[in-house]
């Protein structure tokens, strides 16, 4: 089976690597254009492009696939490359471009998407973040037959994973990426033999995983300790959560829910105690013990190491002072 692959970040690279290892003929890869990254802001190839080049797979990087869009020359060149390879199917994973109808209808078997949620829950751009943030105890991968809607196509294969209380978006991402690759290998094998059985997504239970905005990383200490904790895990590694203290922005990376009672006579965000085990902070309901923090321009540190370079004391209040964008 000849398969065009479209994807950009590490999540997609894992799937591409598994398809390649399974022996599928991948004559063409589509990925996003190189972007500036790192301290020097040098152009950097996507994880998918790096893998494709290592395996000598041709790569095209259109800025758009809309033939009537602002970059028709990109789309026209991509269309010519896709037509030339005569693919049976196209696999899409975290590509980042909308596929117009001419793309969806091009491969003989259509386009298959690897989506990191149990559809129809968490359609959209940030399903892993939103599942953790919402307190879901389960997520998974849906391999879907793509249509013109936003993650609305028929479900082909589904795999489930538990979300543990320790999971961050980073840890869950890695497990889902591996599962997605395995399911896509199975889906293509079934497609080749006519064994896929599409299932319509139910109308009930639809939610949308809206794109993450960096501004969401600001901690609101009036929320419950559990809500704040889920936000910390959901935004790790990107964009991270933070709170200002004495005019300096501090990033918050790890925590424990403290079993002690929240004093009624202190404001939200007030530091209750400080020691090498953690920094206790009063929340709208409950107490959060911060165990991993980071200063602007510094490194993530366990709380004991952080306190050696930044003095914290009971009575100080997170959320006071001028906010600095990290």
C-alpha atoms as a PDB file:
ATOM      1  CA  UNK A   1       0.000   0.000   0.000  1.00  0.00           C
ATOM      2  CA  UNK A   2       1.284   3.441  -0.969  1.00  0.00           C
ATOM      3  CA  UNK A   3       0.681   6.009   1.771  1.00  0.00           C
ATOM      4  CA  UNK A   4       1.177   9.773   1.798  1.00  0.00           C
ATOM      5  CA  UNK A   5       1.928  10.983   5.321  1.00  0.00           C
ATOM      6  CA  UNK A   6       1.070  14.482   6.590  1.00  0.00           C
ATOM      7  CA  UNK A   7       2.222  15.588  10.041  1.00  0.00           C
ATOM      8  CA  UNK A   8       4.546  17.963  11.831  1.00  0.00           C
ATOM      9  CA  UNK A   9       5.490  17.499  15.529  1.00  0.00           C
ATOM     10  CA  UNK A  10       6.889  14.601  17.556  1.00  0.00           C
ATOM     11  CA  UNK A  11       3.428  13.036  17.953  1.00  0.00           C
ATOM     12  CA  UNK A  12       3.283  12.635  14.172  1.00  0.00           C
ATOM     13  CA  UNK A  13       6.914  11.513  13.869  1.00  0.00           C
ATOM     14  CA  UNK A  14       6.185   8.525  16.109  1.00  0.00           C
ATOM     15  CA  UNK A  15       3.363   7.419  13.818  1.00  0.00           C
ATOM     16  CA  UNK A  16       5.463   7.928  10.689  1.00  0.00           C
ATOM     17  CA  UNK A  17       8.268   5.846  12.195  1.00  0.00           C
ATOM     18  CA  UNK A  18       5.875   2.998  13.017  1.00  0.00           C
ATOM     19  CA  UNK A  19       4.363   3.018   9.523  1.00  0.00           C
ATOM     20  CA  UNK A  20       7.838   2.990   8.024  1.00  0.00           C
ATOM     21  CA  UNK A  21       8.938   0.132  10.292  1.00  0.00           C
ATOM     22  CA  UNK A  22       5.808  -1.837   9.340  1.00  0.00           C
ATOM     23  CA  UNK A  23       6.899  -1.751   5.710  1.00  0.00           C
ATOM     24  CA  UNK A  24       4.338   0.585   4.165  1.00  0.00           C
ATOM     25  CA  UNK A  25       5.477   2.334   0.993  1.00  0.00           C
ATOM     26  CA  UNK A  26       5.644   6.043   1.886  1.00  0.00           C
ATOM     27  CA  UNK A  27       6.528   7.909  -1.317  1.00  0.00           C
ATOM     28  CA  UNK A  28       5.778  11.422   0.003  1.00  0.00           C
ATOM     29  CA  UNK A  29       5.620  13.359   3.272  1.00  0.00           C
ATOM     30  CA  UNK A  30       3.861  16.679   3.837  1.00  0.00           C
ATOM     31  CA  UNK A  31       4.863  18.820   6.806  1.00  0.00           C
ATOM     32  CA  UNK A  32       4.782  22.433   7.940  1.00  0.00           C
ATOM     33  CA  UNK A  33       7.449  24.863   6.672  1.00  0.00           C
ATOM     34  CA  UNK A  34      10.600  25.212   8.773  1.00  0.00           C
ATOM     35  CA  UNK A  35      10.108  27.603  11.717  1.00  0.00           C
ATOM     36  CA  UNK A  36      12.489  29.764  13.769  1.00  0.00           C
ATOM     37  CA  UNK A  37      13.241  28.066  17.094  1.00  0.00           C
ATOM     38  CA  UNK A  38      15.716  28.118  19.972  1.00  0.00           C
ATOM     39  CA  UNK A  39      17.680  30.997  21.444  1.00  0.00           C
ATOM     40  CA  UNK A  40      19.180  31.892  18.094  1.00  0.00           C
ATOM     41  CA  UNK A  41      15.780  31.636  16.355  1.00  0.00           C
ATOM     42  CA  UNK A  42      17.310  29.673  13.512  1.00  0.00           C
ATOM     43  CA  UNK A  43      15.050  27.876  11.060  1.00  0.00           C
ATOM     44  CA  UNK A  44      14.380  24.361  12.298  1.00  0.00           C
ATOM     45  CA  UNK A  45      12.856  21.436  10.445  1.00  0.00           C
ATOM     46  CA  UNK A  46       9.878  19.669  12.012  1.00  0.00           C
ATOM     47  CA  UNK A  47      10.324  16.304  13.708  1.00  0.00           C
ATOM     48  CA  UNK A  48       8.510  14.679  10.778  1.00  0.00           C
ATOM     49  CA  UNK A  49      10.747  16.312   8.189  1.00  0.00           C
ATOM     50  CA  UNK A  50      13.884  15.245  10.048  1.00  0.00           C
ATOM     51  CA  UNK A  51      12.744  11.621  10.068  1.00  0.00           C
ATOM     52  CA  UNK A  52      11.702  11.714   6.409  1.00  0.00           C
ATOM     53  CA  UNK A  53      15.054  13.099   5.326  1.00  0.00           C
ATOM     54  CA  UNK A  54      16.880  10.421   7.355  1.00  0.00           C
ATOM     55  CA  UNK A  55      14.909   7.783   5.448  1.00  0.00           C
ATOM     56  CA  UNK A  56      15.255   9.531   2.066  1.00  0.00           C
ATOM     57  CA  UNK A  57      11.520  10.143   1.748  1.00  0.00           C
ATOM     58  CA  UNK A  58      10.640  13.167  -0.440  1.00  0.00           C
ATOM     59  CA  UNK A  59       9.167  16.086   1.537  1.00  0.00           C
ATOM     60  CA  UNK A  60       6.931  18.976   0.473  1.00  0.00           C
ATOM     61  CA  UNK A  61       6.156  21.897   2.796  1.00  0.00           C
ATOM     62  CA  UNK A  62       3.248  23.969   1.486  1.00  0.00           C
ATOM     63  CA  UNK A  63       2.107  26.978   3.483  1.00  0.00           C
ATOM     64  CA  UNK A  64      -1.438  26.216   2.343  1.00  0.00           C
ATOM     65  CA  UNK A  65      -3.315  23.520   0.444  1.00  0.00           C
ATOM     66  CA  UNK A  66      -6.069  25.825  -0.748  1.00  0.00           C
ATOM     67  CA  UNK A  67      -5.804  26.207  -4.501  1.00  0.00           C
ATOM     68  CA  UNK A  68      -7.653  29.509  -4.263  1.00  0.00           C
ATOM     69  CA  UNK A  69      -5.751  30.742  -1.211  1.00  0.00           C
ATOM     70  CA  UNK A  70      -3.007  33.273  -0.665  1.00  0.00           C
ATOM     71  CA  UNK A  71      -0.286  30.796  -1.580  1.00  0.00           C
ATOM     72  CA  UNK A  72      -1.665  28.952  -4.631  1.00  0.00           C
ATOM     73  CA  UNK A  73       1.826  28.167  -5.904  1.00  0.00           C
ATOM     74  CA  UNK A  74       2.454  26.104  -2.742  1.00  0.00           C
ATOM     75  CA  UNK A  75      -0.825  24.245  -3.109  1.00  0.00           C
ATOM     76  CA  UNK A  76      -0.338  23.630  -6.818  1.00  0.00           C
ATOM     77  CA  UNK A  77       3.142  22.184  -6.258  1.00  0.00           C
ATOM     78  CA  UNK A  78       1.841  19.965  -3.454  1.00  0.00           C
ATOM     79  CA  UNK A  79      -1.038  18.816  -5.639  1.00  0.00           C
ATOM     80  CA  UNK A  80       1.324  17.867  -8.445  1.00  0.00           C
ATOM     81  CA  UNK A  81       3.546  15.905  -6.039  1.00  0.00           C
ATOM     82  CA  UNK A  82       0.571  14.086  -4.527  1.00  0.00           C
ATOM     83  CA  UNK A  83      -0.922  13.205  -7.902  1.00  0.00           C
ATOM     84  CA  UNK A  84       2.409  11.854  -9.108  1.00  0.00           C
ATOM     85  CA  UNK A  85       2.781   9.263  -6.343  1.00  0.00           C
ATOM     86  CA  UNK A  86      -0.669   7.693  -6.916  1.00  0.00           C
ATOM     87  CA  UNK A  87      -1.210   6.942  -3.224  1.00  0.00           C
ATOM     88  CA  UNK A  88      -3.794   4.495  -1.941  1.00  0.00           C
ATOM     89  CA  UNK A  89      -4.290   6.388   1.318  1.00  0.00           C
ATOM     90  CA  UNK A  90      -3.166   9.462   3.211  1.00  0.00           C
ATOM     91  CA  UNK A  91      -2.417   9.431   6.926  1.00  0.00           C
ATOM     92  CA  UNK A  92      -2.725  12.703   8.840  1.00  0.00           C
ATOM     93  CA  UNK A  93      -1.419  13.283  12.371  1.00  0.00           C
ATOM     94  CA  UNK A  94      -1.111  16.730  13.940  1.00  0.00           C
ATOM     95  CA  UNK A  95      -0.369  18.275  10.547  1.00  0.00           C
ATOM     96  CA  UNK A  96      -1.573  21.795  11.256  1.00  0.00           C
ATOM     97  CA  UNK A  97      -3.165  22.623   7.883  1.00  0.00           C
ATOM     98  CA  UNK A  98      -6.805  22.269   6.881  1.00  0.00           C
ATOM     99  CA  UNK A  99      -7.293  19.693   4.134  1.00  0.00           C
ATOM    100  CA  UNK A 100      -9.587  20.970   1.355  1.00  0.00           C
ATOM    101  CA  UNK A 101     -11.910  18.632  -0.498  1.00  0.00           C
ATOM    102  CA  UNK A 102      -9.487  18.014  -3.360  1.00  0.00           C
ATOM    103  CA  UNK A 103      -7.049  16.460  -0.870  1.00  0.00           C
ATOM    104  CA  UNK A 104      -9.697  14.420   0.965  1.00  0.00           C
ATOM    105  CA  UNK A 105     -10.860  12.871  -2.280  1.00  0.00           C
ATOM    106  CA  UNK A 106      -7.451  12.266  -3.827  1.00  0.00           C
ATOM    107  CA  UNK A 107      -6.291   8.881  -2.405  1.00  0.00           C
ATOM    108  CA  UNK A 108      -8.213   5.787  -3.419  1.00  0.00           C
ATOM    109  CA  UNK A 109      -9.079   4.902   0.175  1.00  0.00           C
ATOM    110  CA  UNK A 110      -9.321   8.473   1.421  1.00  0.00           C
ATOM    111  CA  UNK A 111      -7.562  10.216   4.312  1.00  0.00           C
ATOM    112  CA  UNK A 112      -7.151   8.724   7.783  1.00  0.00           C
ATOM    113  CA  UNK A 113      -6.547  10.861  10.869  1.00  0.00           C
ATOM    114  CA  UNK A 114      -4.935   9.924  14.190  1.00  0.00           C
ATOM    115  CA  UNK A 115      -6.756  11.975  16.840  1.00  0.00           C
ATOM    116  CA  UNK A 116      -5.644  11.976  20.485  1.00  0.00           C
ATOM    117  CA  UNK A 117      -9.025  11.643  22.180  1.00  0.00           C
ATOM    118  CA  UNK A 118     -12.053   9.402  22.407  1.00  0.00           C
ATOM    119  CA  UNK A 119     -14.249  11.154  19.885  1.00  0.00           C
ATOM    120  CA  UNK A 120     -16.612  12.934  19.917  1.00  0.00           C
ATOM    121  CA  UNK A 121     -15.103  14.226  23.187  1.00  0.00           C
ATOM    122  CA  UNK A 122     -12.350  16.782  22.638  1.00  0.00           C
ATOM    123  CA  UNK A 123     -12.528  17.482  18.959  1.00  0.00           C
ATOM    124  CA  UNK A 124     -10.063  20.193  18.016  1.00  0.00           C
ATOM    125  CA  UNK A 125      -6.526  21.385  18.542  1.00  0.00           C
ATOM    126  CA  UNK A 126      -5.554  20.513  22.136  1.00  0.00           C
ATOM    127  CA  UNK A 127      -7.267  17.262  23.196  1.00  0.00           C
ATOM    128  CA  UNK A 128      -4.504  16.049  25.527  1.00  0.00           C
ATOM    129  CA  UNK A 129      -4.278  19.330  27.467  1.00  0.00           C
ATOM    130  CA  UNK A 130      -8.037  19.680  27.796  1.00  0.00           C
ATOM    131  CA  UNK A 131      -8.603  16.097  28.961  1.00  0.00           C
ATOM    132  CA  UNK A 132      -6.166  16.529  31.860  1.00  0.00           C
ATOM    133  CA  UNK A 133      -7.427  20.019  32.658  1.00  0.00           C
ATOM    134  CA  UNK A 134     -11.029  18.754  32.834  1.00  0.00           C
ATOM    135  CA  UNK A 135     -10.117  15.920  35.187  1.00  0.00           C
ATOM    136  CA  UNK A 136     -10.916  13.102  32.744  1.00  0.00           C
ATOM    137  CA  UNK A 137      -9.810   9.691  33.979  1.00  0.00           C
ATOM    138  CA  UNK A 138      -9.652   8.148  30.505  1.00  0.00           C
ATOM    139  CA  UNK A 139      -8.608   9.181  27.024  1.00  0.00           C
ATOM    140  CA  UNK A 140      -7.262   7.429  23.973  1.00  0.00           C
ATOM    141  CA  UNK A 141      -6.784   7.441  20.221  1.00  0.00           C
ATOM    142  CA  UNK A 142      -9.459   7.531  17.540  1.00  0.00           C
ATOM    143  CA  UNK A 143      -8.429   6.606  14.002  1.00  0.00           C
ATOM    144  CA  UNK A 144     -10.952   8.444  11.868  1.00  0.00           C
ATOM    145  CA  UNK A 145     -11.946   8.635   8.217  1.00  0.00           C
ATOM    146  CA  UNK A 146     -11.518  12.324   7.483  1.00  0.00           C
ATOM    147  CA  UNK A 147     -14.313  14.479   6.110  1.00  0.00           C
ATOM    148  CA  UNK A 148     -14.756  18.224   5.648  1.00  0.00           C
ATOM    149  CA  UNK A 149     -15.764  18.832   9.282  1.00  0.00           C
ATOM    150  CA  UNK A 150     -13.593  19.434  12.355  1.00  0.00           C
ATOM    151  CA  UNK A 151     -12.831  15.909  13.583  1.00  0.00           C
ATOM    152  CA  UNK A 152     -16.330  14.778  12.628  1.00  0.00           C
ATOM    153  CA  UNK A 153     -15.533  11.789  10.407  1.00  0.00           C
ATOM    154  CA  UNK A 154     -16.496   8.168  10.966  1.00  0.00           C
ATOM    155  CA  UNK A 155     -14.514   6.269  13.596  1.00  0.00           C
ATOM    156  CA  UNK A 156     -12.470   3.335  12.316  1.00  0.00           C
ATOM    157  CA  UNK A 157     -10.464   2.126  15.332  1.00  0.00           C
ATOM    158  CA  UNK A 158     -10.417   3.251  18.982  1.00  0.00           C
ATOM    159  CA  UNK A 159      -7.860   2.579  21.710  1.00  0.00           C
ATOM    160  CA  UNK A 160      -8.222   3.676  25.332  1.00  0.00           C
ATOM    161  CA  UNK A 161      -5.712   4.786  27.979  1.00  0.00           C
ATOM    162  CA  UNK A 162      -6.169   5.665  31.635  1.00  0.00           C
ATOM    163  CA  UNK A 163      -5.134   9.158  32.753  1.00  0.00           C
ATOM    164  CA  UNK A 164      -3.274   8.809  36.041  1.00  0.00           C
ATOM    165  CA  UNK A 165      -3.189  11.499  38.761  1.00  0.00           C
ATOM    166  CA  UNK A 166       0.499  11.985  37.941  1.00  0.00           C
ATOM    167  CA  UNK A 167       0.110  12.369  34.177  1.00  0.00           C
ATOM    168  CA  UNK A 168       1.182  15.599  32.512  1.00  0.00           C
ATOM    169  CA  UNK A 169       0.479  16.503  28.914  1.00  0.00           C
ATOM    170  CA  UNK A 170       4.078  15.475  28.214  1.00  0.00           C
ATOM    171  CA  UNK A 171       3.794  11.979  29.685  1.00  0.00           C
ATOM    172  CA  UNK A 172       0.332  11.344  28.243  1.00  0.00           C
ATOM    173  CA  UNK A 173       1.445  12.651  24.840  1.00  0.00           C
ATOM    174  CA  UNK A 174       4.177  10.017  24.624  1.00  0.00           C
ATOM    175  CA  UNK A 175       1.852   7.137  25.480  1.00  0.00           C
ATOM    176  CA  UNK A 176      -0.819   8.349  23.080  1.00  0.00           C
ATOM    177  CA  UNK A 177       1.706   8.852  20.275  1.00  0.00           C
ATOM    178  CA  UNK A 178       2.860   5.238  20.583  1.00  0.00           C
ATOM    179  CA  UNK A 179      -0.730   3.973  20.690  1.00  0.00           C
ATOM    180  CA  UNK A 180      -1.669   6.116  17.691  1.00  0.00           C
ATOM    181  CA  UNK A 181       1.091   4.670  15.576  1.00  0.00           C
ATOM    182  CA  UNK A 182       0.137   1.096  16.451  1.00  0.00           C
ATOM    183  CA  UNK A 183      -3.550   1.678  15.703  1.00  0.00           C
ATOM    184  CA  UNK A 184      -2.758   3.343  12.393  1.00  0.00           C
ATOM    185  CA  UNK A 185      -0.660   0.359  11.313  1.00  0.00           C
ATOM    186  CA  UNK A 186      -3.621  -1.894  12.151  1.00  0.00           C
ATOM    187  CA  UNK A 187      -6.099   0.405  10.384  1.00  0.00           C
ATOM    188  CA  UNK A 188      -4.119   0.438   7.139  1.00  0.00           C
ATOM    189  CA  UNK A 189      -3.749  -3.337   7.213  1.00  0.00           C
ATOM    190  CA  UNK A 190      -7.521  -3.653   7.610  1.00  0.00           C
ATOM    191  CA  UNK A 191      -8.120  -1.070   4.878  1.00  0.00           C
ATOM    192  CA  UNK A 192      -5.997  -3.083   2.463  1.00  0.00           C
ATOM    193  CA  UNK A 193      -8.168  -6.146   3.014  1.00  0.00           C
ATOM    194  CA  UNK A 194     -11.483  -4.301   3.136  1.00  0.00           C
ATOM    195  CA  UNK A 195     -11.860  -5.084   6.840  1.00  0.00           C
ATOM    196  CA  UNK A 196     -12.556  -1.602   8.218  1.00  0.00           C
ATOM    197  CA  UNK A 197     -16.028  -1.013   9.649  1.00  0.00           C
ATOM    198  CA  UNK A 198     -16.715   2.749   9.920  1.00  0.00           C
ATOM    199  CA  UNK A 199     -18.873   3.873  12.848  1.00  0.00           C
ATOM    200  CA  UNK A 200     -20.615   7.244  12.940  1.00  0.00           C
ATOM    201  CA  UNK A 201     -19.702   9.475  15.846  1.00  0.00           C
ATOM    202  CA  UNK A 202     -22.536   9.850  18.357  1.00  0.00           C
ATOM    203  CA  UNK A 203     -24.210  13.239  18.506  1.00  0.00           C
ATOM    204  CA  UNK A 204     -24.164  13.228  22.309  1.00  0.00           C
ATOM    205  CA  UNK A 205     -20.992  14.067  24.215  1.00  0.00           C
ATOM    206  CA  UNK A 206     -19.376  16.473  21.753  1.00  0.00           C
ATOM    207  CA  UNK A 207     -16.788  18.793  23.331  1.00  0.00           C
ATOM    208  CA  UNK A 208     -14.142  21.011  21.751  1.00  0.00           C
ATOM    209  CA  UNK A 209     -10.491  21.202  22.751  1.00  0.00           C
ATOM    210  CA  UNK A 210      -9.751  24.812  21.923  1.00  0.00           C
ATOM    211  CA  UNK A 211      -6.184  25.848  21.127  1.00  0.00           C
ATOM    212  CA  UNK A 212      -4.059  26.664  24.184  1.00  0.00           C
ATOM    213  CA  UNK A 213      -3.459  30.358  24.803  1.00  0.00           C
ATOM    214  CA  UNK A 214      -0.376  31.346  26.811  1.00  0.00           C
ATOM    215  CA  UNK A 215      -2.564  33.709  28.837  1.00  0.00           C
ATOM    216  CA  UNK A 216      -4.314  30.652  30.280  1.00  0.00           C
ATOM    217  CA  UNK A 217      -1.120  29.824  32.150  1.00  0.00           C
ATOM    218  CA  UNK A 218      -1.754  32.516  34.779  1.00  0.00           C
ATOM    219  CA  UNK A 219      -2.889  30.808  37.998  1.00  0.00           C
ATOM    220  CA  UNK A 220      -6.141  31.946  39.570  1.00  0.00           C
ATOM    221  CA  UNK A 221      -5.663  31.126  43.244  1.00  0.00           C
ATOM    222  CA  UNK A 222      -9.383  31.542  43.972  1.00  0.00           C
ATOM    223  CA  UNK A 223      -9.952  28.213  42.223  1.00  0.00           C
ATOM    224  CA  UNK A 224      -9.803  24.920  44.097  1.00  0.00           C
ATOM    225  CA  UNK A 225      -6.471  23.218  44.763  1.00  0.00           C
ATOM    226  CA  UNK A 226      -7.532  20.318  42.518  1.00  0.00           C
ATOM    227  CA  UNK A 227      -8.468  22.632  39.636  1.00  0.00           C
ATOM    228  CA  UNK A 228      -5.167  24.502  39.881  1.00  0.00           C
ATOM    229  CA  UNK A 229      -3.242  21.235  40.090  1.00  0.00           C
ATOM    230  CA  UNK A 230      -4.892  19.889  36.954  1.00  0.00           C
ATOM    231  CA  UNK A 231      -3.995  23.103  35.123  1.00  0.00           C
ATOM    232  CA  UNK A 232      -0.348  22.730  36.182  1.00  0.00           C
ATOM    233  CA  UNK A 233      -0.230  19.170  34.795  1.00  0.00           C
ATOM    234  CA  UNK A 234      -2.191  20.027  31.665  1.00  0.00           C
ATOM    235  CA  UNK A 235       0.161  22.876  30.747  1.00  0.00           C
ATOM    236  CA  UNK A 236       3.357  20.877  31.291  1.00  0.00           C
ATOM    237  CA  UNK A 237       5.506  21.162  29.192  1.00  0.00           C
ATOM    238  CA  UNK A 238       3.752  23.934  27.237  1.00  0.00           C
ATOM    239  CA  UNK A 239       2.948  26.711  27.910  1.00  0.00           C
ATOM    240  CA  UNK A 240       3.512  26.174  31.632  1.00  0.00           C
ATOM    241  CA  UNK A 241       1.644  27.830  34.489  1.00  0.00           C
ATOM    242  CA  UNK A 242       2.918  30.811  36.420  1.00  0.00           C
ATOM    243  CA  UNK A 243       2.133  33.325  39.104  1.00  0.00           C
ATOM    244  CA  UNK A 244       3.746  36.616  40.042  1.00  0.00           C
ATOM    245  CA  UNK A 245       5.350  37.099  43.449  1.00  0.00           C
ATOM    246  CA  UNK A 246       6.864  40.424  44.454  1.00  0.00           C
ATOM    247  CA  UNK A 247       7.075  41.545  40.855  1.00  0.00           C
ATOM    248  CA  UNK A 248       8.782  38.372  39.597  1.00  0.00           C
ATOM    249  CA  UNK A 249       7.022  35.692  37.598  1.00  0.00           C
ATOM    250  CA  UNK A 250       7.491  32.182  38.954  1.00  0.00           C
ATOM    251  CA  UNK A 251       6.649  29.113  36.880  1.00  0.00           C
ATOM    252  CA  UNK A 252       4.962  26.232  38.687  1.00  0.00           C
ATOM    253  CA  UNK A 253       5.729  22.706  37.511  1.00  0.00           C
ATOM    254  CA  UNK A 254       4.806  20.161  40.165  1.00  0.00           C
ATOM    255  CA  UNK A 255       2.657  19.960  43.261  1.00  0.00           C
ATOM    256  CA  UNK A 256       0.814  17.828  45.782  1.00  0.00           C
ATOM    257  CA  UNK A 257      -2.687  18.330  47.139  1.00  0.00           C
ATOM    258  CA  UNK A 258      -2.126  19.011  50.843  1.00  0.00           C
ATOM    259  CA  UNK A 259      -4.372  17.262  53.337  1.00  0.00           C
ATOM    260  CA  UNK A 260      -4.309  20.153  55.809  1.00  0.00           C
ATOM    261  CA  UNK A 261      -7.287  22.442  56.232  1.00  0.00           C
ATOM    262  CA  UNK A 262      -7.145  25.837  54.534  1.00  0.00           C
ATOM    263  CA  UNK A 263      -7.142  28.620  57.172  1.00  0.00           C
ATOM    264  CA  UNK A 264     -10.230  30.820  56.845  1.00  0.00           C
ATOM    265  CA  UNK A 265      -8.433  34.023  57.792  1.00  0.00           C
ATOM    266  CA  UNK A 266      -5.956  34.219  54.865  1.00  0.00           C
ATOM    267  CA  UNK A 267      -6.422  35.289  51.258  1.00  0.00           C
ATOM    268  CA  UNK A 268      -6.110  33.082  48.195  1.00  0.00           C
ATOM    269  CA  UNK A 269      -2.493  32.737  47.022  1.00  0.00           C
ATOM    270  CA  UNK A 270      -1.058  33.282  50.507  1.00  0.00           C
ATOM    271  CA  UNK A 271       1.984  31.172  51.388  1.00  0.00           C
ATOM    272  CA  UNK A 272       1.205  29.223  54.580  1.00  0.00           C
ATOM    273  CA  UNK A 273       4.502  27.430  55.162  1.00  0.00           C
ATOM    274  CA  UNK A 274       7.867  26.920  53.498  1.00  0.00           C
ATOM    275  CA  UNK A 275      10.238  23.973  53.845  1.00  0.00           C
ATOM    276  CA  UNK A 276      12.247  21.532  51.733  1.00  0.00           C
ATOM    277  CA  UNK A 277       9.142  19.372  51.213  1.00  0.00           C
ATOM    278  CA  UNK A 278       7.167  22.132  49.541  1.00  0.00           C
ATOM    279  CA  UNK A 279       5.576  25.549  49.621  1.00  0.00           C
ATOM    280  CA  UNK A 280       2.029  25.458  50.986  1.00  0.00           C
ATOM    281  CA  UNK A 281      -0.314  27.924  49.277  1.00  0.00           C
ATOM    282  CA  UNK A 282      -3.934  28.703  50.188  1.00  0.00           C
ATOM    283  CA  UNK A 283      -6.398  28.202  47.334  1.00  0.00           C
ATOM    284  CA  UNK A 284     -10.068  29.067  47.018  1.00  0.00           C
ATOM    285  CA  UNK A 285     -10.714  25.617  48.412  1.00  0.00           C
ATOM    286  CA  UNK A 286      -7.929  23.486  49.845  1.00  0.00           C
ATOM    287  CA  UNK A 287      -4.169  23.870  49.977  1.00  0.00           C
ATOM    288  CA  UNK A 288      -1.610  23.232  47.256  1.00  0.00           C
ATOM    289  CA  UNK A 289       1.959  22.230  48.122  1.00  0.00           C
ATOM    290  CA  UNK A 290       4.294  23.386  45.336  1.00  0.00           C
ATOM    291  CA  UNK A 291       7.221  21.016  44.835  1.00  0.00           C
ATOM    292  CA  UNK A 292       8.800  22.213  41.571  1.00  0.00           C
ATOM    293  CA  UNK A 293       9.329  25.851  40.574  1.00  0.00           C
ATOM    294  CA  UNK A 294      11.312  27.963  38.110  1.00  0.00           C
ATOM    295  CA  UNK A 295      12.486  31.578  37.985  1.00  0.00           C
ATOM    296  CA  UNK A 296      12.442  33.532  34.760  1.00  0.00           C
ATOM    297  CA  UNK A 297      15.482  32.528  32.702  1.00  0.00           C
ATOM    298  CA  UNK A 298      16.310  29.717  35.121  1.00  0.00           C
ATOM    299  CA  UNK A 299      15.770  25.969  35.212  1.00  0.00           C
ATOM    300  CA  UNK A 300      13.043  23.838  36.693  1.00  0.00           C
ATOM    301  CA  UNK A 301      14.116  23.016  40.216  1.00  0.00           C
ATOM    302  CA  UNK A 302      12.901  20.860  43.081  1.00  0.00           C
ATOM    303  CA  UNK A 303      11.620  23.105  45.826  1.00  0.00           C
ATOM    304  CA  UNK A 304      14.648  22.569  48.102  1.00  0.00           C
ATOM    305  CA  UNK A 305      17.011  23.762  45.362  1.00  0.00           C
ATOM    306  CA  UNK A 306      14.704  26.621  44.372  1.00  0.00           C
ATOM    307  CA  UNK A 307      14.642  27.968  47.937  1.00  0.00           C
ATOM    308  CA  UNK A 308      18.441  28.233  48.019  1.00  0.00           C
ATOM    309  CA  UNK A 309      18.253  30.966  45.394  1.00  0.00           C
ATOM    310  CA  UNK A 310      14.870  32.536  46.102  1.00  0.00           C
ATOM    311  CA  UNK A 311      13.684  33.291  49.601  1.00  0.00           C
ATOM    312  CA  UNK A 312      10.027  32.529  50.302  1.00  0.00           C
ATOM    313  CA  UNK A 313       8.283  33.033  53.620  1.00  0.00           C
ATOM    314  CA  UNK A 314       4.820  32.508  55.131  1.00  0.00           C
ATOM    315  CA  UNK A 315       2.583  35.504  54.537  1.00  0.00           C
ATOM    316  CA  UNK A 316       3.902  36.291  51.057  1.00  0.00           C
ATOM    317  CA  UNK A 317       1.153  36.295  48.452  1.00  0.00           C
ATOM    318  CA  UNK A 318       1.233  34.817  44.953  1.00  0.00           C
ATOM    319  CA  UNK A 319      -0.614  36.983  42.467  1.00  0.00           C
ATOM    320  CA  UNK A 320       0.586  40.261  43.963  1.00  0.00           C
ATOM    321  CA  UNK A 321       2.741  42.692  42.022  1.00  0.00           C
ATOM    322  CA  UNK A 322       3.289  43.230  38.314  1.00  0.00           C
ATOM    323  CA  UNK A 323       2.802  40.329  35.929  1.00  0.00           C
ATOM    324  CA  UNK A 324       5.721  39.538  33.610  1.00  0.00           C
ATOM    325  CA  UNK A 325       4.989  37.465  30.518  1.00  0.00           C
ATOM    326  CA  UNK A 326       7.222  34.345  30.595  1.00  0.00           C
END
